[in-house]
PDB file of N, CA and C in Angstrom:
ATOM      1  N   MET A   1       0.820  -1.205   0.110  1.00  0.00           N
ATOM      2  CA  MET A   1      -0.061  -0.125  -0.146  1.00  0.00           C
ATOM      3  C   MET A   1       1.019   1.216   0.008  1.00  0.00           C
ATOM      4  N   ILE A   2       0.624   2.072  -0.776  1.00  0.00           N
ATOM      5  CA  ILE A   2       1.310   3.363  -0.838  1.00  0.00           C
ATOM      6  C   ILE A   2       0.465   4.245   0.023  1.00  0.00           C
ATOM      7  N   THR A   3       1.119   5.269   0.941  1.00  0.00           N
ATOM      8  CA  THR A   3       0.515   6.042   1.715  1.00  0.00           C
ATOM      9  C   THR A   3       0.993   7.474   1.438  1.00  0.00           C
ATOM     10  N   ILE A   4       0.191   8.490   1.152  1.00  0.00           N
ATOM     11  CA  ILE A   4       0.545   9.856   0.714  1.00  0.00           C
ATOM     12  C   ILE A   4      -0.097  10.726   1.975  1.00  0.00           C
ATOM     13  N   ASP A   5       1.059  11.329   2.470  1.00  0.00           N
ATOM     14  CA  ASP A   5       0.611  12.449   3.490  1.00  0.00           C
ATOM     15  C   ASP A   5       0.238  13.690   2.993  1.00  0.00           C
ATOM     16  N   CYS A   6      -0.880  14.223   3.187  1.00  0.00           N
ATOM     17  CA  CYS A   6      -1.438  15.383   2.534  1.00  0.00           C
ATOM     18  C   CYS A   6      -1.812  16.279   3.522  1.00  0.00           C
ATOM     19  N   LEU A   7      -1.425  16.169   4.838  1.00  0.00           N
ATOM     20  CA  LEU A   7      -1.692  16.977   5.909  1.00  0.00           C
ATOM     21  C   LEU A   7      -1.245  18.337   5.688  1.00  0.00           C
ATOM     22  N   GLY A   8      -2.234  19.307   5.778  1.00  0.00           N
ATOM     23  CA  GLY A   8      -1.888  20.821   5.535  1.00  0.00           C
ATOM     24  C   GLY A   8      -1.993  21.041   3.904  1.00  0.00           C
ATOM     25  N   GLU A   9      -2.279  20.297   3.176  1.00  0.00           N
ATOM     26  CA  GLU A   9      -2.365  20.561   1.713  1.00  0.00           C
ATOM     27  C   GLU A   9      -3.807  20.489   1.144  1.00  0.00           C
ATOM     28  N   MET A  10      -4.107  21.739   0.484  1.00  0.00           N
ATOM     29  CA  MET A  10      -5.420  21.923   0.066  1.00  0.00           C
ATOM     30  C   MET A  10      -5.527  21.381  -1.444  1.00  0.00           C
ATOM     31  N   CYS A  11      -6.573  21.155  -1.928  1.00  0.00           N
ATOM     32  CA  CYS A  11      -6.970  20.703  -3.251  1.00  0.00           C
ATOM     33  C   CYS A  11      -6.572  21.677  -4.285  1.00  0.00           C
ATOM     34  N   PRO A  12      -5.819  21.361  -5.379  1.00  0.00           N
ATOM     35  CA  PRO A  12      -5.970  19.843  -5.875  1.00  0.00           C
ATOM     36  C   PRO A  12      -4.698  19.267  -5.670  1.00  0.00           C
ATOM     37  N   ILE A  13      -3.674  19.526  -4.828  1.00  0.00           N
ATOM     38  CA  ILE A  13      -2.561  19.002  -4.475  1.00  0.00           C
ATOM     39  C   ILE A  13      -2.721  17.387  -4.129  1.00  0.00           C
ATOM     40  N   PRO A  14      -3.474  17.061  -3.216  1.00  0.00           N
ATOM     41  CA  PRO A  14      -3.708  15.535  -2.864  1.00  0.00           C
ATOM     42  C   PRO A  14      -4.181  14.772  -3.958  1.00  0.00           C
ATOM     43  N   VAL A  15      -5.107  15.356  -4.850  1.00  0.00           N
ATOM     44  CA  VAL A  15      -5.594  14.721  -6.040  1.00  0.00           C
ATOM     45  C   VAL A  15      -4.240  14.419  -7.220  1.00  0.00           C
ATOM     46  N   LEU A  16      -3.714  15.372  -7.252  1.00  0.00           N
ATOM     47  CA  LEU A  16      -2.408  15.317  -8.270  1.00  0.00           C
ATOM     48  C   LEU A  16      -1.507  14.300  -7.656  1.00  0.00           C
ATOM     49  N   LYS A  17      -1.059  14.363  -6.385  1.00  0.00           N
ATOM     50  CA  LYS A  17      -0.138  13.429  -5.974  1.00  0.00           C
ATOM     51  C   LYS A  17      -0.862  11.997  -5.796  1.00  0.00           C
ATOM     52  N   ALA A  18      -2.114  11.794  -5.796  1.00  0.00           N
ATOM     53  CA  ALA A  18      -2.817  10.461  -5.901  1.00  0.00           C
ATOM     54  C   ALA A  18      -2.875  10.028  -7.297  1.00  0.00           C
ATOM     55  N   GLN A  19      -2.961  10.876  -8.314  1.00  0.00           N
ATOM     56  CA  GLN A  19      -2.997  10.439  -9.616  1.00  0.00           C
ATOM     57  C   GLN A  19      -1.444  10.111 -10.091  1.00  0.00           C
ATOM     58  N   LYS A  20      -0.389  10.689  -9.659  1.00  0.00           N
ATOM     59  CA  LYS A  20       0.841  10.351  -9.874  1.00  0.00           C
ATOM     60  C   LYS A  20       1.219   8.825  -9.478  1.00  0.00           C
ATOM     61  N   GLU A  21       0.708   8.653  -8.304  1.00  0.00           N
ATOM     62  CA  GLU A  21       1.301   7.321  -7.514  1.00  0.00           C
ATOM     63  C   GLU A  21       0.158   6.287  -8.249  1.00  0.00           C
ATOM     64  N   PHE A  22      -0.945   6.524  -8.649  1.00  0.00           N
ATOM     65  CA  PHE A  22      -2.013   5.585  -9.150  1.00  0.00           C
ATOM     66  C   PHE A  22      -1.519   4.861 -10.307  1.00  0.00           C
ATOM     67  N   LYS A  23      -0.763   5.695 -11.096  1.00  0.00           N
ATOM     68  CA  LYS A  23      -0.353   5.094 -12.447  1.00  0.00           C
ATOM     69  C   LYS A  23       0.629   3.821 -11.990  1.00  0.00           C
ATOM     70  N   LYS A  24       1.467   3.754 -10.952  1.00  0.00           N
ATOM     71  CA  LYS A  24       2.166   2.684 -10.544  1.00  0.00           C
ATOM     72  C   LYS A  24       1.406   1.513 -10.110  1.00  0.00           C
ATOM     73  N   LEU A  25       0.357   1.568  -9.688  1.00  0.00           N
ATOM     74  CA  LEU A  25      -0.469   0.497  -8.946  1.00  0.00           C
ATOM     75  C   LEU A  25      -0.983  -0.589 -10.093  1.00  0.00           C
ATOM     76  N   ALA A  26      -0.870  -1.687  -9.555  1.00  0.00           N
ATOM     77  CA  ALA A  26      -1.628  -2.864 -10.489  1.00  0.00           C
ATOM     78  C   ALA A  26      -3.119  -2.962  -9.863  1.00  0.00           C
ATOM     79  N   SER A  27      -3.961  -3.864 -10.615  1.00  0.00           N
ATOM     80  CA  SER A  27      -5.198  -3.841 -10.300  1.00  0.00           C
ATOM     81  C   SER A  27      -5.227  -4.548  -8.851  1.00  0.00           C
ATOM     82  N   GLY A  28      -6.130  -4.099  -7.852  1.00  0.00           N
ATOM     83  CA  GLY A  28      -6.096  -4.445  -6.439  1.00  0.00           C
ATOM     84  C   GLY A  28      -5.509  -3.918  -5.537  1.00  0.00           C
ATOM     85  N   ASP A  29      -4.366  -3.019  -6.141  1.00  0.00           N
ATOM     86  CA  ASP A  29      -3.569  -2.346  -5.184  1.00  0.00           C
ATOM     87  C   ASP A  29      -4.398  -1.164  -4.783  1.00  0.00           C
ATOM     88  N   THR A  30      -3.847  -0.609  -3.371  1.00  0.00           N
ATOM     89  CA  THR A  30      -4.540   0.423  -2.650  1.00  0.00           C
ATOM     90  C   THR A  30      -3.601   1.596  -2.468  1.00  0.00           C
ATOM     91  N   ILE A  31      -4.026   2.788  -2.500  1.00  0.00           N
ATOM     92  CA  ILE A  31      -3.483   3.989  -2.034  1.00  0.00           C
ATOM     93  C   ILE A  31      -4.185   4.470  -0.782  1.00  0.00           C
ATOM     94  N   LYS A  32      -3.343   4.974   0.197  1.00  0.00           N
ATOM     95  CA  LYS A  32      -3.917   5.708   1.357  1.00  0.00           C
ATOM     96  C   LYS A  32      -3.471   7.261   1.382  1.00  0.00           C
ATOM     97  N   ILE A  33      -4.493   8.129   1.418  1.00  0.00           N
ATOM     98  CA  ILE A  33      -4.357   9.481   1.557  1.00  0.00           C
ATOM     99  C   ILE A  33      -4.667   9.987   2.888  1.00  0.00           C
ATOM    100  N   ILE A  34      -3.781  10.437   3.623  1.00  0.00           N
ATOM    101  CA  ILE A  34      -3.965  11.217   4.923  1.00  0.00           C
ATOM    102  C   ILE A  34      -4.219  12.667   4.844  1.00  0.00           C
ATOM    103  N   THR A  35      -5.432  13.177   5.108  1.00  0.00           N
ATOM    104  CA  THR A  35      -5.614  14.676   4.869  1.00  0.00           C
ATOM    105  C   THR A  35      -6.491  15.106   6.153  1.00  0.00           C
ATOM    106  N   ASP A  36      -6.323  16.398   6.229  1.00  0.00           N
ATOM    107  CA  ASP A  36      -6.979  17.199   7.190  1.00  0.00           C
ATOM    108  C   ASP A  36      -8.028  18.300   6.525  1.00  0.00           C
ATOM    109  N   HIS A  37      -8.360  17.927   5.305  1.00  0.00           N
ATOM    110  CA  HIS A  37      -9.481  18.805   4.578  1.00  0.00           C
ATOM    111  C   HIS A  37     -10.482  18.074   4.082  1.00  0.00           C
ATOM    112  N   SER A  38     -11.569  18.277   4.410  1.00  0.00           N
ATOM    113  CA  SER A  38     -12.614  17.341   4.047  1.00  0.00           C
ATOM    114  C   SER A  38     -12.909  17.575   2.592  1.00  0.00           C
ATOM    115  N   CYS A  39     -12.654  18.654   1.958  1.00  0.00           N
ATOM    116  CA  CYS A  39     -12.812  18.726   0.500  1.00  0.00           C
ATOM    117  C   CYS A  39     -12.065  17.657  -0.409  1.00  0.00           C
ATOM    118  N   VAL A  40     -10.988  17.206   0.154  1.00  0.00           N
ATOM    119  CA  VAL A  40     -10.160  16.224  -0.572  1.00  0.00           C
ATOM    120  C   VAL A  40     -11.220  14.990  -0.834  1.00  0.00           C
ATOM    121  N   LEU A  41     -11.954  14.496   0.166  1.00  0.00           N
ATOM    122  CA  LEU A  41     -12.811  13.397  -0.039  1.00  0.00           C
ATOM    123  C   LEU A  41     -13.644  13.575  -1.340  1.00  0.00           C
ATOM    124  N   GLU A  42     -14.188  14.709  -1.302  1.00  0.00           N
ATOM    125  CA  GLU A  42     -15.096  15.028  -2.491  1.00  0.00           C
ATOM    126  C   GLU A  42     -14.244  14.975  -3.784  1.00  0.00           C
ATOM    127  N   SER A  43     -13.256  15.568  -3.904  1.00  0.00           N
ATOM    128  CA  SER A  43     -12.424  15.708  -5.061  1.00  0.00           C
ATOM    129  C   SER A  43     -11.838  14.252  -5.454  1.00  0.00           C
ATOM    130  N   VAL A  44     -11.467  13.482  -4.525  1.00  0.00           N
ATOM    131  CA  VAL A  44     -10.917  12.089  -4.929  1.00  0.00           C
ATOM    132  C   VAL A  44     -12.160  11.312  -5.385  1.00  0.00           C
ATOM    133  N   SER A  45     -13.123  11.487  -4.708  1.00  0.00           N
ATOM    134  CA  SER A  45     -14.440  10.523  -5.074  1.00  0.00           C
ATOM    135  C   SER A  45     -14.746  10.717  -6.676  1.00  0.00           C
ATOM    136  N   SER A  46     -14.821  12.167  -7.048  1.00  0.00           N
ATOM    137  CA  SER A  46     -15.058  12.268  -8.305  1.00  0.00           C
ATOM    138  C   SER A  46     -13.926  12.075  -9.356  1.00  0.00           C
ATOM    139  N   LYS A  47     -12.875  12.101  -9.016  1.00  0.00           N
ATOM    140  CA  LYS A  47     -11.794  11.778  -9.925  1.00  0.00           C
ATOM    141  C   LYS A  47     -11.643  10.235 -10.097  1.00  0.00           C
ATOM    142  N   PHE A  48     -11.622   9.483  -8.890  1.00  0.00           N
ATOM    143  CA  PHE A  48     -11.435   8.191  -9.184  1.00  0.00           C
ATOM    144  C   PHE A  48     -12.706   7.273  -9.002  1.00  0.00           C
ATOM    145  N   LYS A  49     -13.831   7.802  -9.599  1.00  0.00           N
ATOM    146  CA  LYS A  49     -15.131   7.152  -9.240  1.00  0.00           C
ATOM    147  C   LYS A  49     -15.310   5.604  -9.980  1.00  0.00           C
ATOM    148  N   LYS A  50     -14.325   5.255 -10.715  1.00  0.00           N
ATOM    149  CA  LYS A  50     -14.434   3.950 -11.379  1.00  0.00           C
ATOM    150  C   LYS A  50     -13.892   2.947 -10.616  1.00  0.00           C
ATOM    151  N   HIS A  51     -13.133   3.469  -9.338  1.00  0.00           N
ATOM    152  CA  HIS A  51     -12.392   2.597  -8.490  1.00  0.00           C
ATOM    153  C   HIS A  51     -13.100   2.616  -7.077  1.00  0.00           C
ATOM    154  N   GLN A  52     -12.703   1.462  -6.194  1.00  0.00           N
ATOM    155  CA  GLN A  52     -13.387   1.584  -4.782  1.00  0.00           C
ATOM    156  C   GLN A  52     -12.686   2.458  -3.854  1.00  0.00           C
ATOM    157  N   ILE A  53     -13.540   3.335  -3.436  1.00  0.00           N
ATOM    158  CA  ILE A  53     -13.066   4.297  -2.286  1.00  0.00           C
ATOM    159  C   ILE A  53     -13.868   4.155  -0.992  1.00  0.00           C
ATOM    160  N   THR A  54     -12.998   4.165  -0.001  1.00  0.00           N
ATOM    161  CA  THR A  54     -13.308   4.240   1.192  1.00  0.00           C
ATOM    162  C   THR A  54     -12.770   5.362   2.139  1.00  0.00           C
ATOM    163  N   SER A  55     -13.352   5.760   3.263  1.00  0.00           N
ATOM    164  CA  SER A  55     -12.691   6.894   3.995  1.00  0.00           C
ATOM    165  C   SER A  55     -13.232   6.620   5.396  1.00  0.00           C
ATOM    166  N   GLU A  56     -12.230   7.131   6.222  1.00  0.00           N
ATOM    167  CA  GLU A  56     -12.587   7.021   7.795  1.00  0.00           C
ATOM    168  C   GLU A  56     -12.013   8.219   8.364  1.00  0.00           C
ATOM    169  N   GLU A  57     -12.752   8.956   9.297  1.00  0.00           N
ATOM    170  CA  GLU A  57     -12.201   9.974  10.057  1.00  0.00           C
ATOM    171  C   GLU A  57     -11.538   9.625  11.429  1.00  0.00           C
ATOM    172  N   VAL A  58     -10.056   9.166  11.421  1.00  0.00           N
ATOM    173  CA  VAL A  58      -9.321   8.526  12.277  1.00  0.00           C
ATOM    174  C   VAL A  58      -9.264   9.400  13.646  1.00  0.00           C
ATOM    175  N   ILE A  59      -9.093  10.695  13.531  1.00  0.00           N
ATOM    176  CA  ILE A  59      -9.427  11.622  14.746  1.00  0.00           C
ATOM    177  C   ILE A  59     -10.014  12.894  14.201  1.00  0.00           C
ATOM    178  N   VAL A  60     -10.761  13.517  15.088  1.00  0.00           N
ATOM    179  CA  VAL A  60     -11.352  14.786  14.540  1.00  0.00           C
ATOM    180  C   VAL A  60     -10.590  15.750  13.691  1.00  0.00           C
ATOM    181  N   GLY A  61     -11.138  15.731  12.478  1.00  0.00           N
ATOM    182  CA  GLY A  61     -10.710  16.489  11.283  1.00  0.00           C
ATOM    183  C   GLY A  61      -9.568  15.903  10.727  1.00  0.00           C
ATOM    184  N   VAL A  62      -9.196  14.609  10.785  1.00  0.00           N
ATOM    185  CA  VAL A  62      -8.312  13.956   9.808  1.00  0.00           C
ATOM    186  C   VAL A  62      -8.680  12.648   9.307  1.00  0.00           C
ATOM    187  N   TRP A  63      -8.755  12.572   7.941  1.00  0.00           N
ATOM    188  CA  TRP A  63      -9.194  11.514   7.315  1.00  0.00           C
ATOM    189  C   TRP A  63      -8.192  10.717   6.676  1.00  0.00           C
ATOM    190  N   GLU A  64      -8.391   9.313   6.735  1.00  0.00           N
ATOM    191  CA  GLU A  64      -7.859   8.566   5.680  1.00  0.00           C
ATOM    192  C   GLU A  64      -8.549   7.984   4.633  1.00  0.00           C
ATOM    193  N   ILE A  65      -8.272   8.125   3.477  1.00  0.00           N
ATOM    194  CA  ILE A  65      -8.988   7.728   2.097  1.00  0.00           C
ATOM    195  C   ILE A  65      -8.297   6.793   1.455  1.00  0.00           C
ATOM    196  N   PHE A  66      -9.038   5.612   1.217  1.00  0.00           N
ATOM    197  CA  PHE A  66      -8.199   4.426   0.552  1.00  0.00           C
ATOM    198  C   PHE A  66      -8.928   4.436  -0.869  1.00  0.00           C
ATOM    199  N   ILE A  67      -8.008   4.425  -1.950  1.00  0.00           N
ATOM    200  CA  ILE A  67      -8.452   4.050  -3.133  1.00  0.00           C
ATOM    201  C   ILE A  67      -7.920   2.910  -3.699  1.00  0.00           C
ATOM    202  N   THR A  68      -8.765   1.791  -4.114  1.00  0.00           N
ATOM    203  CA  THR A  68      -8.266   0.400  -4.552  1.00  0.00           C
ATOM    204  C   THR A  68      -8.453   0.485  -6.008  1.00  0.00           C
ATOM    205  N   LYS A  69      -7.549   0.196  -6.822  1.00  0.00           N
ATOM    206  CA  LYS A  69      -7.632   0.351  -8.424  1.00  0.00           C
ATOM    207  C   LYS A  69      -8.221  -0.965  -8.830  1.00  0.00           C
ATOM    208  N   SER A  70      -9.232  -0.668  -9.715  1.00  0.00           N
ATOM    209  CA  SER A  70     -10.076  -1.803 -10.307  1.00  0.00           C
ATOM    210  C   SER A  70      -9.309  -2.725 -11.189  1.00  0.00           C
TER     211      SER A  70
END
């Protein structure tokens, strides 16, 4: 699993970082994005809608977003 730390980074930076790493994945592999901006979940969901996306607020104001390549 590739982990991308995007704490303190606003859109579109997390999405751009995820796109760059996503190209390296094989089908079934997962990227984890750690963010403290709720707008990132919305942006990721629209950009990677063909893939499985799950998220969890691990502490107040910090989310982990998982994108699994189809």
